[in-house]
């Protein structure tokens, strides 16, 4: 009986030793395109959080990161398309405007806030927004990289392209704006009055991008060294 007990204990210790020293340490890989950024403008490692923006090294832009905290960046808010000249104002739903919401409201508030130290937030072009489309990582998720872009819904997101010809069943509204659907991964022209989602983008200068990517390398190298300890 004692021999069996000692044998079992020895096997357990050998298994623990093997798992501790033989199995490779998992390190979150550096993403080739995206880097997380906190609201103060500092980049962080891919495994850290929370974050407010995403640096897109492919397009040289910053993306707004949506939340679920009922702030102006909450992913559940919807907006009609309006740019202070064209469109339909105040036909979306949010809690930060007294008379409902449109895209100009979110842009104005975000630029006033200076999200991630940027004051040039805008609607993305169709090509910019379409570039975020990718197959979902898990069933039921939106067609986007959810590790970097949480709280994105399987619905329509406005782009900057307006004065677009509407499909025949919308002809009573004359023209509309182009949206990208993160469920089907396709573009569609919608009436300005439609309540759709929004993810903002901000163009970066070359100097800013170089600085951010340098910090990114330092942070990632540090995190990998810590993970191996």
Protein backbone atom coordinates (compact mmCIF):
# COMPACT_ATOMS: atom_id res chain seq x y z
CA UNK A 1 0.00 0.00 0.00
CA UNK A 2 2.79 2.39 0.96
CA UNK A 3 4.68 1.52 -2.23
CA UNK A 4 1.63 2.35 -4.37
CA UNK A 5 1.13 5.65 -2.56
CA UNK A 6 4.78 6.62 -2.97
CA UNK A 7 4.70 5.64 -6.64
CA UNK A 8 1.60 7.78 -7.27
CA UNK A 9 3.15 10.72 -5.44
CA UNK A 10 6.36 10.41 -7.45
CA UNK A 11 4.43 10.35 -10.74
CA UNK A 12 2.47 13.43 -9.69
CA UNK A 13 5.67 15.31 -8.84
CA UNK A 14 7.21 14.33 -12.19
CA UNK A 15 4.11 15.58 -14.02
CA UNK A 16 4.21 18.92 -12.17
CA UNK A 17 7.92 19.28 -12.94
CA UNK A 18 7.32 18.56 -16.63
CA UNK A 19 4.50 21.08 -16.91
CA UNK A 20 6.47 23.76 -15.08
CA UNK A 21 9.74 23.52 -16.95
CA UNK A 22 9.11 21.72 -20.24
CA UNK A 23 5.97 23.31 -21.70
CA UNK A 24 6.54 26.59 -23.59
CA UNK A 25 5.32 29.81 -22.00
CA UNK A 26 2.46 31.31 -23.98
CA UNK A 27 3.19 34.88 -25.01
CA UNK A 28 0.51 36.94 -26.72
CA UNK A 29 1.88 37.65 -30.21
CA UNK A 30 2.44 41.17 -31.49
CA UNK A 31 -0.24 41.99 -34.04
CA UNK A 32 1.17 42.99 -37.41
CA UNK A 33 -1.36 45.78 -37.91
CA UNK A 34 -3.03 46.84 -34.64
CA UNK A 35 -1.73 48.28 -31.36
CA UNK A 36 -3.77 49.23 -28.30
CA UNK A 37 -3.63 52.81 -27.00
CA UNK A 38 -4.95 54.27 -23.75
CA UNK A 39 -6.78 57.59 -23.60
CA UNK A 40 -3.64 59.57 -22.73
CA UNK A 41 -2.02 58.58 -26.03
CA UNK A 42 0.34 55.89 -24.73
CA UNK A 43 0.44 52.50 -26.44
CA UNK A 44 0.23 49.29 -24.40
CA UNK A 45 0.95 45.63 -24.99
CA UNK A 46 -1.54 43.41 -26.78
CA UNK A 47 -2.46 41.57 -23.56
CA UNK A 48 -3.03 44.76 -21.51
CA UNK A 49 -6.19 46.80 -21.04
CA UNK A 50 -8.41 48.71 -20.90
CA UNK A 51 -7.70 50.71 -24.05
CA UNK A 52 -9.50 53.58 -25.78
CA UNK A 53 -8.10 53.53 -29.32
CA UNK A 54 -6.37 51.21 -31.76
CA UNK A 55 -3.35 52.27 -33.82
CA UNK A 56 -3.73 50.98 -37.38
CA UNK A 57 -0.23 50.84 -38.89
CA UNK A 58 -1.64 49.72 -42.24
CA UNK A 59 -3.75 52.85 -42.76
CA UNK A 60 -1.76 55.21 -40.49
CA UNK A 61 -4.87 56.07 -38.47
CA UNK A 62 -6.36 55.70 -35.01
CA UNK A 63 -9.67 53.91 -34.49
CA UNK A 64 -12.13 54.71 -31.73
CA UNK A 65 -12.78 51.74 -29.43
CA UNK A 66 -16.40 51.27 -28.42
CA UNK A 67 -17.44 50.61 -24.81
CA UNK A 68 -20.44 49.37 -22.82
CA UNK A 69 -20.34 52.02 -20.07
CA UNK A 70 -22.93 54.51 -21.43
CA UNK A 71 -20.22 57.06 -22.24
CA UNK A 72 -20.24 58.87 -25.58
CA UNK A 73 -18.32 55.89 -26.98
CA UNK A 74 -20.87 53.27 -25.96
CA UNK A 75 -21.25 50.72 -28.73
CA UNK A 76 -25.04 50.57 -28.40
CA UNK A 77 -25.66 54.20 -29.40
CA UNK A 78 -26.98 54.77 -32.92
CA UNK A 79 -26.88 57.86 -35.13
CA UNK A 80 -28.57 59.32 -38.17
CA UNK A 81 -26.14 60.63 -40.81
CA UNK A 82 -25.58 64.40 -40.59
CA UNK A 83 -22.56 66.62 -41.28
CA UNK A 84 -24.02 70.03 -40.33
CA UNK A 85 -24.92 70.63 -44.01
CA UNK A 86 -26.46 67.50 -45.43
CA UNK A 87 -28.28 64.55 -43.94
CA UNK A 88 -30.86 64.16 -41.20
CA UNK A 89 -30.10 65.42 -37.71
CA UNK A 90 -31.19 63.85 -34.42
CA UNK A 91 -32.68 60.56 -35.61
CA UNK A 92 -30.45 58.21 -33.62
CA UNK A 93 -30.57 57.06 -30.00
CA UNK A 94 -28.12 57.95 -27.23
CA UNK A 95 -28.04 59.31 -23.67
CA UNK A 96 -25.58 62.20 -24.09
CA UNK A 97 -27.79 64.47 -26.24
CA UNK A 98 -31.11 66.01 -25.21
CA UNK A 99 -32.61 65.74 -28.72
CA UNK A 100 -31.42 62.31 -29.81
CA UNK A 101 -28.24 61.86 -31.88
CA UNK A 102 -26.59 62.17 -35.27
CA UNK A 103 -23.05 61.57 -36.48
CA UNK A 104 -22.00 65.20 -36.06
CA UNK A 105 -22.83 64.97 -32.34
CA UNK A 106 -20.43 62.08 -31.76
CA UNK A 107 -17.70 63.74 -33.82
CA UNK A 108 -18.08 67.04 -31.97
CA UNK A 109 -18.03 65.46 -28.50
CA UNK A 110 -15.08 63.20 -29.33
CA UNK A 111 -12.98 66.07 -30.70
CA UNK A 112 -13.84 68.23 -27.69
CA UNK A 113 -12.83 65.38 -25.41
CA UNK A 114 -9.55 64.89 -27.28
CA UNK A 115 -9.80 61.11 -27.30
CA UNK A 116 -6.28 59.65 -27.25
CA UNK A 117 -4.90 63.21 -27.62
CA UNK A 118 -6.49 63.58 -31.07
CA UNK A 119 -8.84 66.37 -32.16
CA UNK A 120 -9.43 65.40 -35.79
CA UNK A 121 -11.90 62.54 -35.40
CA UNK A 122 -14.17 61.88 -38.38
CA UNK A 123 -16.26 59.25 -40.13
CA UNK A 124 -14.14 56.66 -41.97
CA UNK A 125 -14.13 56.38 -45.74
CA UNK A 126 -15.75 53.25 -47.21
CA UNK A 127 -12.32 51.75 -47.96
CA UNK A 128 -11.05 52.45 -44.43
CA UNK A 129 -14.05 50.86 -42.76
CA UNK A 130 -14.23 47.94 -45.19
CA UNK A 131 -10.60 47.11 -44.37
CA UNK A 132 -11.66 46.12 -40.83
CA UNK A 133 -13.89 43.32 -42.14
CA UNK A 134 -12.58 39.85 -41.31
CA UNK A 135 -14.09 36.48 -40.55
CA UNK A 136 -15.34 36.28 -36.93
CA UNK A 137 -13.05 34.56 -34.45
CA UNK A 138 -15.99 32.88 -32.72
CA UNK A 139 -19.50 31.95 -33.90
CA UNK A 140 -22.02 34.75 -33.52
CA UNK A 141 -19.51 37.60 -33.41
CA UNK A 142 -19.25 40.57 -35.76
CA UNK A 143 -16.93 40.36 -38.77
CA UNK A 144 -14.03 42.19 -37.13
CA UNK A 145 -11.01 41.48 -34.92
CA UNK A 146 -12.84 41.34 -31.59
CA UNK A 147 -9.59 41.18 -29.60
CA UNK A 148 -8.97 44.81 -30.53
CA UNK A 149 -12.49 46.02 -31.36
CA UNK A 150 -14.96 44.84 -28.69
CA UNK A 151 -18.63 45.87 -28.60
CA UNK A 152 -18.92 46.06 -32.38
CA UNK A 153 -22.36 44.85 -33.43
CA UNK A 154 -23.52 42.80 -36.37
CA UNK A 155 -25.12 45.81 -38.03
CA UNK A 156 -24.62 48.85 -40.26
CA UNK A 157 -21.84 51.39 -39.58
CA UNK A 158 -21.80 54.78 -41.29
CA UNK A 159 -19.01 55.93 -43.61
CA UNK A 160 -18.24 59.46 -44.82
CA UNK A 161 -19.59 58.79 -48.33
CA UNK A 162 -22.82 60.75 -48.80
CA UNK A 163 -25.02 61.88 -51.70
CA UNK A 164 -25.28 58.25 -52.75
CA UNK A 165 -28.12 56.95 -54.87
CA UNK A 166 -30.52 54.87 -52.81
CA UNK A 167 -32.00 51.49 -53.77
CA UNK A 168 -35.41 51.65 -55.41
CA UNK A 169 -37.35 50.94 -52.21
CA UNK A 170 -35.79 54.07 -50.63
CA UNK A 171 -36.30 56.47 -53.55
CA UNK A 172 -38.69 58.69 -51.57
CA UNK A 173 -35.64 59.88 -49.59
CA UNK A 174 -33.70 61.01 -52.71
CA UNK A 175 -30.16 60.20 -51.53
CA UNK A 176 -28.31 58.70 -48.59
CA UNK A 177 -24.93 57.64 -47.22
CA UNK A 178 -22.89 54.49 -47.54
CA UNK A 179 -22.65 52.06 -44.62
CA UNK A 180 -20.64 48.88 -44.00
CA UNK A 181 -22.46 45.94 -42.43
CA UNK A 182 -20.39 43.93 -39.94
CA UNK A 183 -22.69 40.93 -40.18
CA UNK A 184 -22.64 40.40 -43.94
CA UNK A 185 -19.33 42.21 -44.55
CA UNK A 186 -20.91 44.23 -47.35
CA UNK A 187 -21.66 47.87 -48.16
CA UNK A 188 -25.13 49.35 -48.57
CA UNK A 189 -26.59 52.80 -49.16
CA UNK A 190 -29.05 53.85 -46.45
CA UNK A 191 -31.30 56.90 -45.98
CA UNK A 192 -29.70 59.59 -43.83
CA UNK A 193 -32.52 59.17 -41.29
CA UNK A 194 -31.64 55.53 -40.57
CA UNK A 195 -30.23 54.89 -37.10
CA UNK A 196 -26.91 53.11 -37.65
CA UNK A 197 -23.78 52.53 -35.56
CA UNK A 198 -20.56 54.57 -35.80
CA UNK A 199 -16.87 53.91 -35.23
CA UNK A 200 -14.73 57.03 -35.69
CA UNK A 201 -11.25 57.31 -37.16
CA UNK A 202 -8.45 59.87 -36.80
CA UNK A 203 -5.56 60.39 -39.23
CA UNK A 204 -2.06 60.27 -37.74
CA UNK A 205 1.06 62.17 -38.69
CA UNK A 206 4.13 60.18 -39.68
CA UNK A 207 6.00 61.41 -36.60
CA UNK A 208 3.26 60.24 -34.27
CA UNK A 209 3.11 56.82 -35.86
CA UNK A 210 6.87 56.30 -35.63
CA UNK A 211 6.85 57.25 -31.95
CA UNK A 212 3.94 54.97 -31.16
CA UNK A 213 5.43 51.97 -32.91
CA UNK A 214 8.74 52.50 -31.11
CA UNK A 215 6.95 52.46 -27.77
CA UNK A 216 5.03 49.40 -28.88
CA UNK A 217 8.24 47.42 -29.49
CA UNK A 218 9.58 48.36 -26.05
CA UNK A 219 6.37 47.37 -24.29
CA UNK A 220 6.03 44.08 -26.15
CA UNK A 221 9.65 43.10 -25.50
CA UNK A 222 9.25 43.90 -21.81
CA UNK A 223 6.04 41.88 -21.54
CA UNK A 224 7.64 38.85 -23.19
CA UNK A 225 10.61 38.99 -20.83
CA UNK A 226 8.28 39.17 -17.83
CA UNK A 227 6.24 36.24 -19.14
CA UNK A 228 9.34 34.05 -19.36
CA UNK A 229 10.33 34.65 -15.73
